[in-house]
Amino acid sequence: MVKKKTKSNSLNESGSQPKVLLYIEEVKPPKGMPQRECIEWKRLNRKIGFWVQCCNRWCLKWRYLNISDPADIPSGWYCSMSPDENYNSCETPQAVSFCKSELLDARFTIGSLVVAKIQGHPWWPAMVDDDPEFLQFYWPSRTSNAAIYYHVVFFDVEEVSRAWVKRTLVKPFNNCPELQSQTVAVRTKKRLDTCIAMAKSAAKLNVLERLKKHSFISRFFGPVYSYKHDIDRFVKEHNLPPFIDSDEEADNNQPVDRQTSNDDSKSLKRKMSSDDEEEIPPEKKVKTGENDDGNAQDEKPENSGVAAVDTVSPNRTPTENSPERENVAVIELSSSPVLT
């Protein structure tokens, strides 16, 4: 007698989180474009989508979703949920264009709402955002397709802060247990609650609207220091995979049929490793702030899970010798030209 398969033994648990891989096609900004315009141009022209694995354990096929926010992917995702009628059945073969080595193992993308942790400070709502100097929102591992750091900008009304944070210290904003269960000082909690409300409001916007309102360059109007002139030495000292400047990328701006075309898919420039946690992106000093108890907090130690932090006052253009200017991007280099 053949035992009939039931829903319980053919599907993963309904609340299971599907595996997700990021498709990202970077495009080359026009040469000579000012830094702020480059960031905005890349934001509009970068192509992003997600490949999601069906949670049916008898299927496990990957399907492409033309979405820009992974928060739109529900727990317990199945082929039947695909809006593409050509690929919304577990009986349909996987698209030939799927190539795992060309995709990024990244849980978040630019504009994703997250909660990030810096040593000495509570979990704080933030948004994944492009680093204004490197024009990218993730830092890859050296040998496989995994993002090991994310660049985030924190929600706040008092300061504009950004940081490169280790992936293990970046969580989804929605229903984040770390954010809900932590204990903070009364003074900090009032500020934190305001920032949580800001993030909830941002969640109602689409990604482009969210970035236009809450990105680092939308909130901070001062100069941003650059260390790209000395990037080769910095990459070597910190054992990083090579940084590829957008001006050096090949011109390949043609749209791709994600489900059917494999030859036209643009592969990532780097091969990265998910377990290479010691690789860290550019490291900057952190402005002295307050810890959870309201006491002064010194600069963050190297192994805090945060590789770089800028903290500045919002809507102010720092002067040459002002503290705000010193904290825009304090880095360990002898000279730092300013990007405008």
C-alpha atoms as a PDB file:
ATOM      1  CA  MET A   1       0.000   0.000   0.000  1.00  0.00           C
ATOM      2  CA  VAL A   2       1.437   3.364  -1.060  1.00  0.00           C
ATOM      3  CA  LYS A   3       1.265   5.989   1.620  1.00  0.00           C
ATOM      4  CA  LYS A   4      -0.266   9.201   0.326  1.00  0.00           C
ATOM      5  CA  LYS A   5       1.837  12.305   0.790  1.00  0.00           C
ATOM      6  CA  THR A   6       0.253  14.928   2.976  1.00  0.00           C
ATOM      7  CA  LYS A   7       0.809  18.631   3.135  1.00  0.00           C
ATOM      8  CA  SER A   8       2.682  18.249   6.404  1.00  0.00           C
ATOM      9  CA  ASN A   9       5.311  15.906   4.983  1.00  0.00           C
ATOM     10  CA  SER A  10       5.651  17.545   1.581  1.00  0.00           C
ATOM     11  CA  LEU A  11       6.127  21.133   2.706  1.00  0.00           C
ATOM     12  CA  ASN A  12       8.397  22.832   5.142  1.00  0.00           C
ATOM     13  CA  GLU A  13       6.757  24.344   8.188  1.00  0.00           C
ATOM     14  CA  SER A  14       4.518  27.262   7.232  1.00  0.00           C
ATOM     15  CA  GLY A  15       6.664  29.771   9.101  1.00  0.00           C
ATOM     16  CA  SER A  16       9.971  28.702   7.557  1.00  0.00           C
ATOM     17  CA  GLN A  17      12.152  31.417   6.091  1.00  0.00           C
ATOM     18  CA  PRO A  18      12.916  30.808   2.395  1.00  0.00           C
ATOM     19  CA  LYS A  19      16.464  30.993   1.113  1.00  0.00           C
ATOM     20  CA  VAL A  20      17.076  34.186  -0.848  1.00  0.00           C
ATOM     21  CA  LEU A  21      19.889  35.257  -3.187  1.00  0.00           C
ATOM     22  CA  LEU A  22      20.364  38.776  -4.496  1.00  0.00           C
ATOM     23  CA  TYR A  23      20.748  39.578  -8.185  1.00  0.00           C
ATOM     24  CA  ILE A  24      22.497  42.899  -8.594  1.00  0.00           C
ATOM     25  CA  GLU A  25      23.622  44.536 -11.812  1.00  0.00           C
ATOM     26  CA  GLU A  26      25.834  47.527 -11.195  1.00  0.00           C
ATOM     27  CA  VAL A  27      25.971  50.198 -13.867  1.00  0.00           C
ATOM     28  CA  LYS A  28      28.722  52.673 -14.605  1.00  0.00           C
ATOM     29  CA  PRO A  29      28.016  56.320 -13.693  1.00  0.00           C
ATOM     30  CA  PRO A  30      29.047  58.925 -16.272  1.00  0.00           C
ATOM     31  CA  LYS A  31      32.621  60.089 -15.777  1.00  0.00           C
ATOM     32  CA  GLY A  32      33.128  63.417 -14.091  1.00  0.00           C
ATOM     33  CA  MET A  33      29.784  63.346 -12.289  1.00  0.00           C
ATOM     34  CA  PRO A  34      29.885  64.939  -8.801  1.00  0.00           C
ATOM     35  CA  GLN A  35      29.806  62.488  -5.902  1.00  0.00           C
ATOM     36  CA  ARG A  36      26.284  63.205  -4.701  1.00  0.00           C
ATOM     37  CA  GLU A  37      24.900  63.012  -8.224  1.00  0.00           C
ATOM     38  CA  CYS A  38      26.775  59.711  -8.720  1.00  0.00           C
ATOM     39  CA  ILE A  39      25.045  58.218  -5.689  1.00  0.00           C
ATOM     40  CA  GLU A  40      21.604  59.346  -6.840  1.00  0.00           C
ATOM     41  CA  TRP A  41      22.270  58.225 -10.433  1.00  0.00           C
ATOM     42  CA  LYS A  42      23.408  54.773  -9.308  1.00  0.00           C
ATOM     43  CA  ARG A  43      20.407  54.475  -7.020  1.00  0.00           C
ATOM     44  CA  LEU A  44      18.091  54.972  -9.992  1.00  0.00           C
ATOM     45  CA  ASN A  45      19.993  52.821 -12.488  1.00  0.00           C
ATOM     46  CA  ARG A  46      21.206  49.872 -10.419  1.00  0.00           C
ATOM     47  CA  LYS A  47      19.203  46.734 -11.259  1.00  0.00           C
ATOM     48  CA  ILE A  48      18.174  44.566  -8.320  1.00  0.00           C
ATOM     49  CA  GLY A  49      16.041  41.455  -7.975  1.00  0.00           C
ATOM     50  CA  PHE A  50      15.832  38.317  -5.850  1.00  0.00           C
ATOM     51  CA  TRP A  51      15.930  34.603  -6.462  1.00  0.00           C
ATOM     52  CA  VAL A  52      13.825  32.771  -3.876  1.00  0.00           C
ATOM     53  CA  GLN A  53      13.878  29.040  -3.186  1.00  0.00           C
ATOM     54  CA  CYS A  54      10.531  27.271  -2.950  1.00  0.00           C
ATOM     55  CA  CYS A  55       9.877  25.952   0.567  1.00  0.00           C
ATOM     56  CA  ASN A  56       8.276  22.778  -0.793  1.00  0.00           C
ATOM     57  CA  ARG A  57      10.852  20.175   0.194  1.00  0.00           C
ATOM     58  CA  TRP A  58       9.970  18.131  -2.899  1.00  0.00           C
ATOM     59  CA  CYS A  59      10.609  21.136  -5.136  1.00  0.00           C
ATOM     60  CA  LEU A  60      13.292  23.524  -3.802  1.00  0.00           C
ATOM     61  CA  LYS A  61      13.471  25.280  -7.167  1.00  0.00           C
ATOM     62  CA  TRP A  62      14.661  28.859  -7.412  1.00  0.00           C
ATOM     63  CA  ARG A  63      12.318  31.497  -8.861  1.00  0.00           C
ATOM     64  CA  TYR A  64      13.156  35.068  -9.813  1.00  0.00           C
ATOM     65  CA  LEU A  65      11.164  37.901  -8.242  1.00  0.00           C
ATOM     66  CA  ASN A  66      11.396  41.378  -9.695  1.00  0.00           C
ATOM     67  CA  ILE A  67      11.230  43.158  -6.351  1.00  0.00           C
ATOM     68  CA  SER A  68      13.489  45.684  -4.642  1.00  0.00           C
ATOM     69  CA  ASP A  69      12.708  44.973  -0.990  1.00  0.00           C
ATOM     70  CA  PRO A  70      13.269  41.495   0.500  1.00  0.00           C
ATOM     71  CA  ALA A  71      10.777  42.388   3.242  1.00  0.00           C
ATOM     72  CA  ASP A  72       8.105  41.733   0.594  1.00  0.00           C
ATOM     73  CA  ILE A  73       9.031  38.028   0.579  1.00  0.00           C
ATOM     74  CA  PRO A  74       6.803  36.186   3.079  1.00  0.00           C
ATOM     75  CA  SER A  75       7.851  33.314   5.310  1.00  0.00           C
ATOM     76  CA  GLY A  76       6.933  29.997   3.752  1.00  0.00           C
ATOM     77  CA  TRP A  77       7.307  31.027   0.097  1.00  0.00           C
ATOM     78  CA  TYR A  78       6.197  28.587  -2.648  1.00  0.00           C
ATOM     79  CA  CYS A  79       6.258  28.566  -6.433  1.00  0.00           C
ATOM     80  CA  SER A  80       2.504  29.186  -6.493  1.00  0.00           C
ATOM     81  CA  MET A  81       3.169  32.648  -5.020  1.00  0.00           C
ATOM     82  CA  SER A  82       5.228  33.757  -8.025  1.00  0.00           C
ATOM     83  CA  PRO A  83       3.514  36.493 -10.080  1.00  0.00           C
ATOM     84  CA  ASP A  84       5.160  35.053 -13.205  1.00  0.00           C
ATOM     85  CA  GLU A  85       2.622  32.631 -14.700  1.00  0.00           C
ATOM     86  CA  ASN A  86       5.411  30.790 -16.483  1.00  0.00           C
ATOM     87  CA  TYR A  87       7.043  29.839 -13.174  1.00  0.00           C
ATOM     88  CA  ASN A  88       4.260  29.653 -10.583  1.00  0.00           C
ATOM     89  CA  SER A  89       4.052  25.872 -10.369  1.00  0.00           C
ATOM     90  CA  CYS A  90       6.382  23.384  -8.707  1.00  0.00           C
ATOM     91  CA  GLU A  91       5.963  21.232 -11.820  1.00  0.00           C
ATOM     92  CA  THR A  92       7.668  23.878 -13.977  1.00  0.00           C
ATOM     93  CA  PRO A  93      11.432  23.406 -14.441  1.00  0.00           C
ATOM     94  CA  GLN A  94      13.775  25.937 -12.905  1.00  0.00           C
ATOM     95  CA  ALA A  95      14.781  28.803 -15.213  1.00  0.00           C
ATOM     96  CA  VAL A  96      18.017  28.131 -17.083  1.00  0.00           C
ATOM     97  CA  SER A  97      19.216  31.629 -16.180  1.00  0.00           C
ATOM     98  CA  PHE A  98      19.665  30.671 -12.526  1.00  0.00           C
ATOM     99  CA  CYS A  99      23.377  30.607 -11.715  1.00  0.00           C
ATOM    100  CA  LYS A 100      24.167  30.575  -8.021  1.00  0.00           C
ATOM    101  CA  SER A 101      27.786  31.648  -8.474  1.00  0.00           C
ATOM    102  CA  GLU A 102      26.614  34.899 -10.086  1.00  0.00           C
ATOM    103  CA  LEU A 103      24.328  35.829  -7.196  1.00  0.00           C
ATOM    104  CA  LEU A 104      25.061  37.461  -3.866  1.00  0.00           C
ATOM    105  CA  ASP A 105      24.264  35.749  -0.602  1.00  0.00           C
ATOM    106  CA  ALA A 106      22.823  38.866   0.999  1.00  0.00           C
ATOM    107  CA  ARG A 107      19.833  39.088   3.261  1.00  0.00           C
ATOM    108  CA  PHE A 108      19.408  42.813   2.664  1.00  0.00           C
ATOM    109  CA  THR A 109      19.742  45.313  -0.136  1.00  0.00           C
ATOM    110  CA  ILE A 110      19.877  49.078  -0.420  1.00  0.00           C
ATOM    111  CA  GLY A 111      16.842  50.599   1.265  1.00  0.00           C
ATOM    112  CA  SER A 112      16.204  47.573   3.491  1.00  0.00           C
ATOM    113  CA  LEU A 113      14.973  48.478   6.971  1.00  0.00           C
ATOM    114  CA  VAL A 114      17.100  46.779   9.605  1.00  0.00           C
ATOM    115  CA  VAL A 115      18.168  46.862  13.231  1.00  0.00           C
ATOM    116  CA  ALA A 116      21.929  47.122  13.785  1.00  0.00           C
ATOM    117  CA  LYS A 117      24.150  46.793  16.849  1.00  0.00           C
ATOM    118  CA  ILE A 118      27.298  48.699  17.746  1.00  0.00           C
ATOM    119  CA  GLN A 119      29.244  47.725  20.854  1.00  0.00           C
ATOM    120  CA  GLY A 120      28.321  49.893  23.815  1.00  0.00           C
ATOM    121  CA  HIS A 121      25.009  50.924  22.274  1.00  0.00           C
ATOM    122  CA  PRO A 122      21.589  49.254  22.049  1.00  0.00           C
ATOM    123  CA  TRP A 123      20.123  47.659  18.946  1.00  0.00           C
ATOM    124  CA  TRP A 124      19.017  50.593  16.799  1.00  0.00           C
ATOM    125  CA  PRO A 125      16.742  50.949  13.733  1.00  0.00           C
ATOM    126  CA  ALA A 126      18.651  51.693  10.540  1.00  0.00           C
ATOM    127  CA  MET A 127      18.473  51.489   6.761  1.00  0.00           C
ATOM    128  CA  VAL A 128      20.935  49.818   4.406  1.00  0.00           C
ATOM    129  CA  ASP A 129      22.459  52.591   2.314  1.00  0.00           C
ATOM    130  CA  ASP A 130      25.323  53.177  -0.113  1.00  0.00           C
ATOM    131  CA  ASP A 131      28.635  54.257   1.358  1.00  0.00           C
ATOM    132  CA  PRO A 132      29.083  57.701  -0.263  1.00  0.00           C
ATOM    133  CA  GLU A 133      32.756  56.972  -0.878  1.00  0.00           C
ATOM    134  CA  PHE A 134      32.568  53.452  -2.322  1.00  0.00           C
ATOM    135  CA  LEU A 135      29.103  53.684  -3.893  1.00  0.00           C
ATOM    136  CA  GLN A 136      28.120  50.277  -2.547  1.00  0.00           C
ATOM    137  CA  PHE A 137      26.029  49.009   0.355  1.00  0.00           C
ATOM    138  CA  TYR A 138      27.756  45.701   1.100  1.00  0.00           C
ATOM    139  CA  TRP A 139      31.324  44.498   1.506  1.00  0.00           C
ATOM    140  CA  PRO A 140      31.980  41.024   0.109  1.00  0.00           C
ATOM    141  CA  SER A 141      34.002  38.201   1.513  1.00  0.00           C
ATOM    142  CA  ARG A 142      37.136  37.180  -0.336  1.00  0.00           C
ATOM    143  CA  THR A 143      36.311  33.728  -1.686  1.00  0.00           C
ATOM    144  CA  SER A 144      32.553  33.139  -2.012  1.00  0.00           C
ATOM    145  CA  ASN A 145      29.313  34.927  -2.768  1.00  0.00           C
ATOM    146  CA  ALA A 146      28.440  36.356   0.637  1.00  0.00           C
ATOM    147  CA  ALA A 147      28.124  39.881   1.975  1.00  0.00           C
ATOM    148  CA  ILE A 148      29.946  40.009   5.325  1.00  0.00           C
ATOM    149  CA  TYR A 149      29.310  43.681   6.152  1.00  0.00           C
ATOM    150  CA  TYR A 150      26.457  46.072   5.406  1.00  0.00           C
ATOM    151  CA  HIS A 151      26.659  49.836   5.262  1.00  0.00           C
ATOM    152  CA  VAL A 152      23.784  51.359   7.243  1.00  0.00           C
ATOM    153  CA  VAL A 153      22.525  54.812   8.178  1.00  0.00           C
ATOM    154  CA  PHE A 154      20.782  55.034  11.542  1.00  0.00           C
ATOM    155  CA  PHE A 155      17.390  56.610  12.127  1.00  0.00           C
ATOM    156  CA  ASP A 156      17.739  59.548  14.494  1.00  0.00           C
ATOM    157  CA  VAL A 157      16.555  63.108  15.012  1.00  0.00           C
ATOM    158  CA  GLU A 158      19.657  64.298  16.863  1.00  0.00           C
ATOM    159  CA  GLU A 159      22.486  63.018  14.672  1.00  0.00           C
ATOM    160  CA  VAL A 160      23.186  61.553  11.251  1.00  0.00           C
ATOM    161  CA  SER A 161      25.254  58.403  11.746  1.00  0.00           C
ATOM    162  CA  ARG A 162      26.407  55.705   9.345  1.00  0.00           C
ATOM    163  CA  ALA A 163      28.450  52.564   9.839  1.00  0.00           C
ATOM    164  CA  TRP A 164      29.799  49.382   8.268  1.00  0.00           C
ATOM    165  CA  VAL A 165      28.350  46.653  10.507  1.00  0.00           C
ATOM    166  CA  LYS A 166      29.068  42.909  10.513  1.00  0.00           C
ATOM    167  CA  ARG A 167      26.200  40.905   9.024  1.00  0.00           C
ATOM    168  CA  THR A 168      25.645  38.969  12.265  1.00  0.00           C
ATOM    169  CA  LEU A 169      24.804  42.274  13.956  1.00  0.00           C
ATOM    170  CA  VAL A 170      22.251  43.340  11.346  1.00  0.00           C
ATOM    171  CA  LYS A 171      18.696  41.978  11.702  1.00  0.00           C
ATOM    172  CA  PRO A 172      15.404  42.589   9.852  1.00  0.00           C
ATOM    173  CA  PHE A 173      13.459  45.494  11.345  1.00  0.00           C
ATOM    174  CA  ASN A 174      10.088  43.743  11.353  1.00  0.00           C
ATOM    175  CA  ASN A 175       9.417  41.902  14.604  1.00  0.00           C
ATOM    176  CA  CYS A 176      13.051  42.031  15.681  1.00  0.00           C
ATOM    177  CA  PRO A 177      13.244  40.254  19.081  1.00  0.00           C
ATOM    178  CA  GLU A 178      16.546  41.934  19.951  1.00  0.00           C
ATOM    179  CA  LEU A 179      14.936  45.353  19.562  1.00  0.00           C
ATOM    180  CA  GLN A 180      11.873  44.446  21.608  1.00  0.00           C
ATOM    181  CA  SER A 181      13.552  42.625  24.499  1.00  0.00           C
ATOM    182  CA  GLN A 182      16.567  44.846  25.218  1.00  0.00           C
ATOM    183  CA  THR A 183      16.744  46.962  28.365  1.00  0.00           C
ATOM    184  CA  VAL A 184      17.819  50.586  27.950  1.00  0.00           C
ATOM    185  CA  ALA A 185      17.958  53.682  30.129  1.00  0.00           C
ATOM    186  CA  VAL A 186      14.814  55.826  30.295  1.00  0.00           C
ATOM    187  CA  ARG A 187      16.563  58.695  28.534  1.00  0.00           C
ATOM    188  CA  THR A 188      17.713  56.409  25.741  1.00  0.00           C
ATOM    189  CA  LYS A 189      14.351  54.667  25.427  1.00  0.00           C
ATOM    190  CA  LYS A 190      12.524  57.890  24.616  1.00  0.00           C
ATOM    191  CA  ARG A 191      14.963  58.619  21.811  1.00  0.00           C
ATOM    192  CA  LEU A 192      14.887  55.005  20.635  1.00  0.00           C
ATOM    193  CA  ASP A 193      11.079  54.942  20.537  1.00  0.00           C
ATOM    194  CA  THR A 194      11.118  58.054  18.345  1.00  0.00           C
ATOM    195  CA  CYS A 195      13.548  56.370  15.954  1.00  0.00           C
ATOM    196  CA  ILE A 196      11.461  53.194  15.846  1.00  0.00           C
ATOM    197  CA  ALA A 197       8.454  55.325  14.887  1.00  0.00           C
ATOM    198  CA  MET A 198      10.551  56.904  12.107  1.00  0.00           C
ATOM    199  CA  ALA A 199      11.471  53.451  10.781  1.00  0.00           C
ATOM    200  CA  LYS A 200       7.833  52.316  10.864  1.00  0.00           C
ATOM    201  CA  SER A 201       6.882  55.404   8.888  1.00  0.00           C
ATOM    202  CA  ALA A 202       9.674  54.666   6.388  1.00  0.00           C
ATOM    203  CA  ALA A 203       8.308  51.136   5.960  1.00  0.00           C
ATOM    204  CA  LYS A 204       5.191  52.617   4.360  1.00  0.00           C
ATOM    205  CA  LEU A 205       7.297  54.138   1.563  1.00  0.00           C
ATOM    206  CA  ASN A 206       8.670  52.306  -1.453  1.00  0.00           C
ATOM    207  CA  VAL A 207      12.439  51.872  -1.577  1.00  0.00           C
ATOM    208  CA  LEU A 208      13.188  54.897  -3.779  1.00  0.00           C
ATOM    209  CA  GLU A 209      11.013  57.189  -1.654  1.00  0.00           C
ATOM    210  CA  ARG A 210      12.630  55.765   1.470  1.00  0.00           C
ATOM    211  CA  LEU A 211      16.129  56.466   0.183  1.00  0.00           C
ATOM    212  CA  LYS A 212      15.196  59.940  -1.003  1.00  0.00           C
ATOM    213  CA  LYS A 213      14.012  60.844   2.490  1.00  0.00           C
ATOM    214  CA  HIS A 214      16.262  58.870   4.840  1.00  0.00           C
ATOM    215  CA  SER A 215      19.582  58.157   3.072  1.00  0.00           C
ATOM    216  CA  PHE A 216      22.822  59.614   4.395  1.00  0.00           C
ATOM    217  CA  ILE A 217      23.258  62.114   1.575  1.00  0.00           C
ATOM    218  CA  SER A 218      19.631  63.219   1.930  1.00  0.00           C
ATOM    219  CA  ARG A 219      20.141  64.099   5.590  1.00  0.00           C
ATOM    220  CA  PHE A 220      23.740  65.313   5.722  1.00  0.00           C
ATOM    221  CA  PHE A 221      24.874  68.236   3.594  1.00  0.00           C
ATOM    222  CA  GLY A 222      28.515  68.600   4.586  1.00  0.00           C
ATOM    223  CA  PRO A 223      31.633  67.282   2.807  1.00  0.00           C
ATOM    224  CA  VAL A 224      32.535  63.594   2.857  1.00  0.00           C
ATOM    225  CA  TYR A 225      36.180  62.620   3.101  1.00  0.00           C
ATOM    226  CA  SER A 226      37.598  60.058   0.715  1.00  0.00           C
ATOM    227  CA  TYR A 227      40.278  57.409   1.196  1.00  0.00           C
ATOM    228  CA  LYS A 228      39.850  55.832  -2.250  1.00  0.00           C
ATOM    229  CA  HIS A 229      43.135  57.437  -3.284  1.00  0.00           C
ATOM    230  CA  ASP A 230      44.882  55.087  -0.855  1.00  0.00           C
ATOM    231  CA  ILE A 231      42.591  52.091  -1.252  1.00  0.00           C
ATOM    232  CA  ASP A 232      45.251  49.618  -2.433  1.00  0.00           C
ATOM    233  CA  ARG A 233      47.260  49.984   0.765  1.00  0.00           C
ATOM    234  CA  PHE A 234      44.149  49.901   2.920  1.00  0.00           C
ATOM    235  CA  VAL A 235      42.782  46.746   1.273  1.00  0.00           C
ATOM    236  CA  LYS A 236      46.114  44.994   1.757  1.00  0.00           C
ATOM    237  CA  GLU A 237      46.433  45.992   5.421  1.00  0.00           C
ATOM    238  CA  HIS A 238      42.925  44.760   6.262  1.00  0.00           C
ATOM    239  CA  ASN A 239      42.986  41.608   4.097  1.00  0.00           C
ATOM    240  CA  LEU A 240      40.026  42.742   1.996  1.00  0.00           C
ATOM    241  CA  PRO A 241      38.959  41.543  -1.430  1.00  0.00           C
ATOM    242  CA  PRO A 242      39.927  44.063  -4.112  1.00  0.00           C
ATOM    243  CA  PHE A 243      37.717  47.106  -4.403  1.00  0.00           C
ATOM    244  CA  ILE A 244      36.486  47.674  -7.966  1.00  0.00           C
ATOM    245  CA  ASP A 245      35.784  51.292  -8.774  1.00  0.00           C
ATOM    246  CA  SER A 246      32.719  51.927 -10.883  1.00  0.00           C
ATOM    247  CA  ASP A 247      34.884  53.736 -13.438  1.00  0.00           C
ATOM    248  CA  GLU A 248      36.739  50.462 -14.028  1.00  0.00           C
ATOM    249  CA  GLU A 249      33.647  48.324 -14.558  1.00  0.00           C
ATOM    250  CA  ALA A 250      32.807  47.156 -18.044  1.00  0.00           C
ATOM    251  CA  ASP A 251      29.979  48.859 -19.898  1.00  0.00           C
ATOM    252  CA  ASN A 252      27.094  46.423 -19.835  1.00  0.00           C
ATOM    253  CA  ASN A 253      23.869  48.297 -19.241  1.00  0.00           C
ATOM    254  CA  GLN A 254      21.519  46.168 -21.326  1.00  0.00           C
ATOM    255  CA  PRO A 255      18.408  44.799 -19.581  1.00  0.00           C
ATOM    256  CA  VAL A 256      18.306  41.053 -18.969  1.00  0.00           C
ATOM    257  CA  ASP A 257      15.455  38.556 -19.133  1.00  0.00           C
ATOM    258  CA  ARG A 258      16.052  37.143 -15.651  1.00  0.00           C
ATOM    259  CA  GLN A 259      14.075  33.926 -16.143  1.00  0.00           C
ATOM    260  CA  THR A 260      15.261  32.869 -19.579  1.00  0.00           C
ATOM    261  CA  SER A 261      18.639  34.412 -20.348  1.00  0.00           C
ATOM    262  CA  ASN A 262      21.772  33.062 -18.757  1.00  0.00           C
ATOM    263  CA  ASP A 263      24.368  34.396 -21.176  1.00  0.00           C
ATOM    264  CA  ASP A 264      23.409  38.022 -20.603  1.00  0.00           C
ATOM    265  CA  SER A 265      23.478  37.827 -16.808  1.00  0.00           C
ATOM    266  CA  LYS A 266      26.187  40.039 -15.398  1.00  0.00           C
ATOM    267  CA  SER A 267      28.290  38.145 -12.864  1.00  0.00           C
ATOM    268  CA  LEU A 268      29.552  39.691  -9.685  1.00  0.00           C
ATOM    269  CA  LYS A 269      33.084  40.987  -9.785  1.00  0.00           C
ATOM    270  CA  ARG A 270      34.161  39.240  -6.619  1.00  0.00           C
ATOM    271  CA  LYS A 271      34.097  35.713  -5.167  1.00  0.00           C
ATOM    272  CA  MET A 272      33.372  35.761  -1.473  1.00  0.00           C
ATOM    273  CA  SER A 273      33.287  33.565   1.657  1.00  0.00           C
ATOM    274  CA  SER A 274      30.419  33.310   4.120  1.00  0.00           C
ATOM    275  CA  ASP A 275      32.646  32.198   6.990  1.00  0.00           C
ATOM    276  CA  ASP A 276      35.492  34.673   6.523  1.00  0.00           C
ATOM    277  CA  GLU A 277      34.426  36.985   9.332  1.00  0.00           C
ATOM    278  CA  GLU A 278      37.835  38.578   9.832  1.00  0.00           C
ATOM    279  CA  GLU A 279      37.718  40.565   6.626  1.00  0.00           C
ATOM    280  CA  ILE A 280      36.688  44.091   7.519  1.00  0.00           C
ATOM    281  CA  PRO A 281      35.926  47.107   5.356  1.00  0.00           C
ATOM    282  CA  PRO A 282      37.429  50.570   5.881  1.00  0.00           C
ATOM    283  CA  GLU A 283      37.761  51.373   9.572  1.00  0.00           C
ATOM    284  CA  LYS A 284      37.037  54.823  10.969  1.00  0.00           C
ATOM    285  CA  LYS A 285      36.934  56.221  14.475  1.00  0.00           C
ATOM    286  CA  VAL A 286      33.628  56.756  16.221  1.00  0.00           C
ATOM    287  CA  LYS A 287      32.498  59.961  17.811  1.00  0.00           C
ATOM    288  CA  THR A 288      32.254  59.703  21.599  1.00  0.00           C
ATOM    289  CA  GLY A 289      28.627  59.203  22.562  1.00  0.00           C
ATOM    290  CA  GLU A 290      26.560  57.681  25.349  1.00  0.00           C
ATOM    291  CA  ASN A 291      26.162  54.048  26.250  1.00  0.00           C
ATOM    292  CA  ASP A 292      22.989  52.342  27.405  1.00  0.00           C
ATOM    293  CA  ASP A 293      23.368  53.803  30.897  1.00  0.00           C
ATOM    294  CA  GLY A 294      23.712  57.374  29.680  1.00  0.00           C
ATOM    295  CA  ASN A 295      27.447  57.464  30.429  1.00  0.00           C
ATOM    296  CA  ALA A 296      30.166  58.635  28.095  1.00  0.00           C
ATOM    297  CA  GLN A 297      31.197  56.001  25.575  1.00  0.00           C
ATOM    298  CA  ASP A 298      34.717  55.998  24.162  1.00  0.00           C
ATOM    299  CA  GLU A 299      35.735  55.130  20.631  1.00  0.00           C
ATOM    300  CA  LYS A 300      34.701  51.633  19.594  1.00  0.00           C
ATOM    301  CA  PRO A 301      37.308  48.859  19.746  1.00  0.00           C
ATOM    302  CA  GLU A 302      38.374  47.166  16.543  1.00  0.00           C
ATOM    303  CA  ASN A 303      36.498  43.894  17.085  1.00  0.00           C
ATOM    304  CA  SER A 304      33.128  45.407  17.966  1.00  0.00           C
ATOM    305  CA  GLY A 305      31.442  44.201  14.801  1.00  0.00           C
ATOM    306  CA  VAL A 306      31.417  47.720  13.392  1.00  0.00           C
ATOM    307  CA  ALA A 307      34.128  48.668  10.950  1.00  0.00           C
ATOM    308  CA  ALA A 308      33.289  52.284  10.310  1.00  0.00           C
ATOM    309  CA  VAL A 309      31.060  54.940  11.770  1.00  0.00           C
ATOM    310  CA  ASP A 310      30.400  58.559  10.858  1.00  0.00           C
ATOM    311  CA  THR A 311      28.433  60.662  13.328  1.00  0.00           C
ATOM    312  CA  VAL A 312      27.437  64.208  12.452  1.00  0.00           C
ATOM    313  CA  SER A 313      24.724  66.688  13.314  1.00  0.00           C
ATOM    314  CA  PRO A 314      21.920  66.788  10.716  1.00  0.00           C
ATOM    315  CA  ASN A 315      21.303  69.669   8.344  1.00  0.00           C
ATOM    316  CA  ARG A 316      24.559  71.434   9.188  1.00  0.00           C
ATOM    317  CA  THR A 317      27.510  72.167   6.937  1.00  0.00           C
ATOM    318  CA  PRO A 318      30.631  71.702   9.091  1.00  0.00           C
ATOM    319  CA  THR A 319      33.297  74.366   9.040  1.00  0.00           C
ATOM    320  CA  GLU A 320      36.973  73.621   8.561  1.00  0.00           C
ATOM    321  CA  ASN A 321      37.784  73.234  12.270  1.00  0.00           C
ATOM    322  CA  SER A 322      34.403  72.253  13.706  1.00  0.00           C
ATOM    323  CA  PRO A 323      33.941  68.974  15.640  1.00  0.00           C
ATOM    324  CA  GLU A 324      31.272  67.940  13.122  1.00  0.00           C
ATOM    325  CA  ARG A 325      33.754  68.076  10.283  1.00  0.00           C
ATOM    326  CA  GLU A 326      36.266  65.997  12.240  1.00  0.00           C
ATOM    327  CA  ASN A 327      33.660  63.280  12.732  1.00  0.00           C
ATOM    328  CA  VAL A 328      32.409  63.174   9.153  1.00  0.00           C
ATOM    329  CA  ALA A 329      34.919  60.467   8.369  1.00  0.00           C
ATOM    330  CA  VAL A 330      37.931  60.315  10.646  1.00  0.00           C
ATOM    331  CA  ILE A 331      40.231  57.723   9.154  1.00  0.00           C
ATOM    332  CA  GLU A 332      43.764  56.518   9.644  1.00  0.00           C
ATOM    333  CA  LEU A 333      45.316  58.108   6.594  1.00  0.00           C
ATOM    334  CA  SER A 334      47.742  60.988   6.334  1.00  0.00           C
ATOM    335  CA  SER A 335      45.627  62.966   3.877  1.00  0.00           C
ATOM    336  CA  SER A 336      41.984  62.822   2.814  1.00  0.00           C
ATOM    337  CA  PRO A 337      40.684  64.849  -0.117  1.00  0.00           C
ATOM    338  CA  VAL A 338      37.095  66.010   0.098  1.00  0.00           C
ATOM    339  CA  LEU A 339      34.374  64.803  -2.244  1.00  0.00           C
ATOM    340  CA  THR A 340      31.694  67.330  -3.166  1.00  0.00           C
END
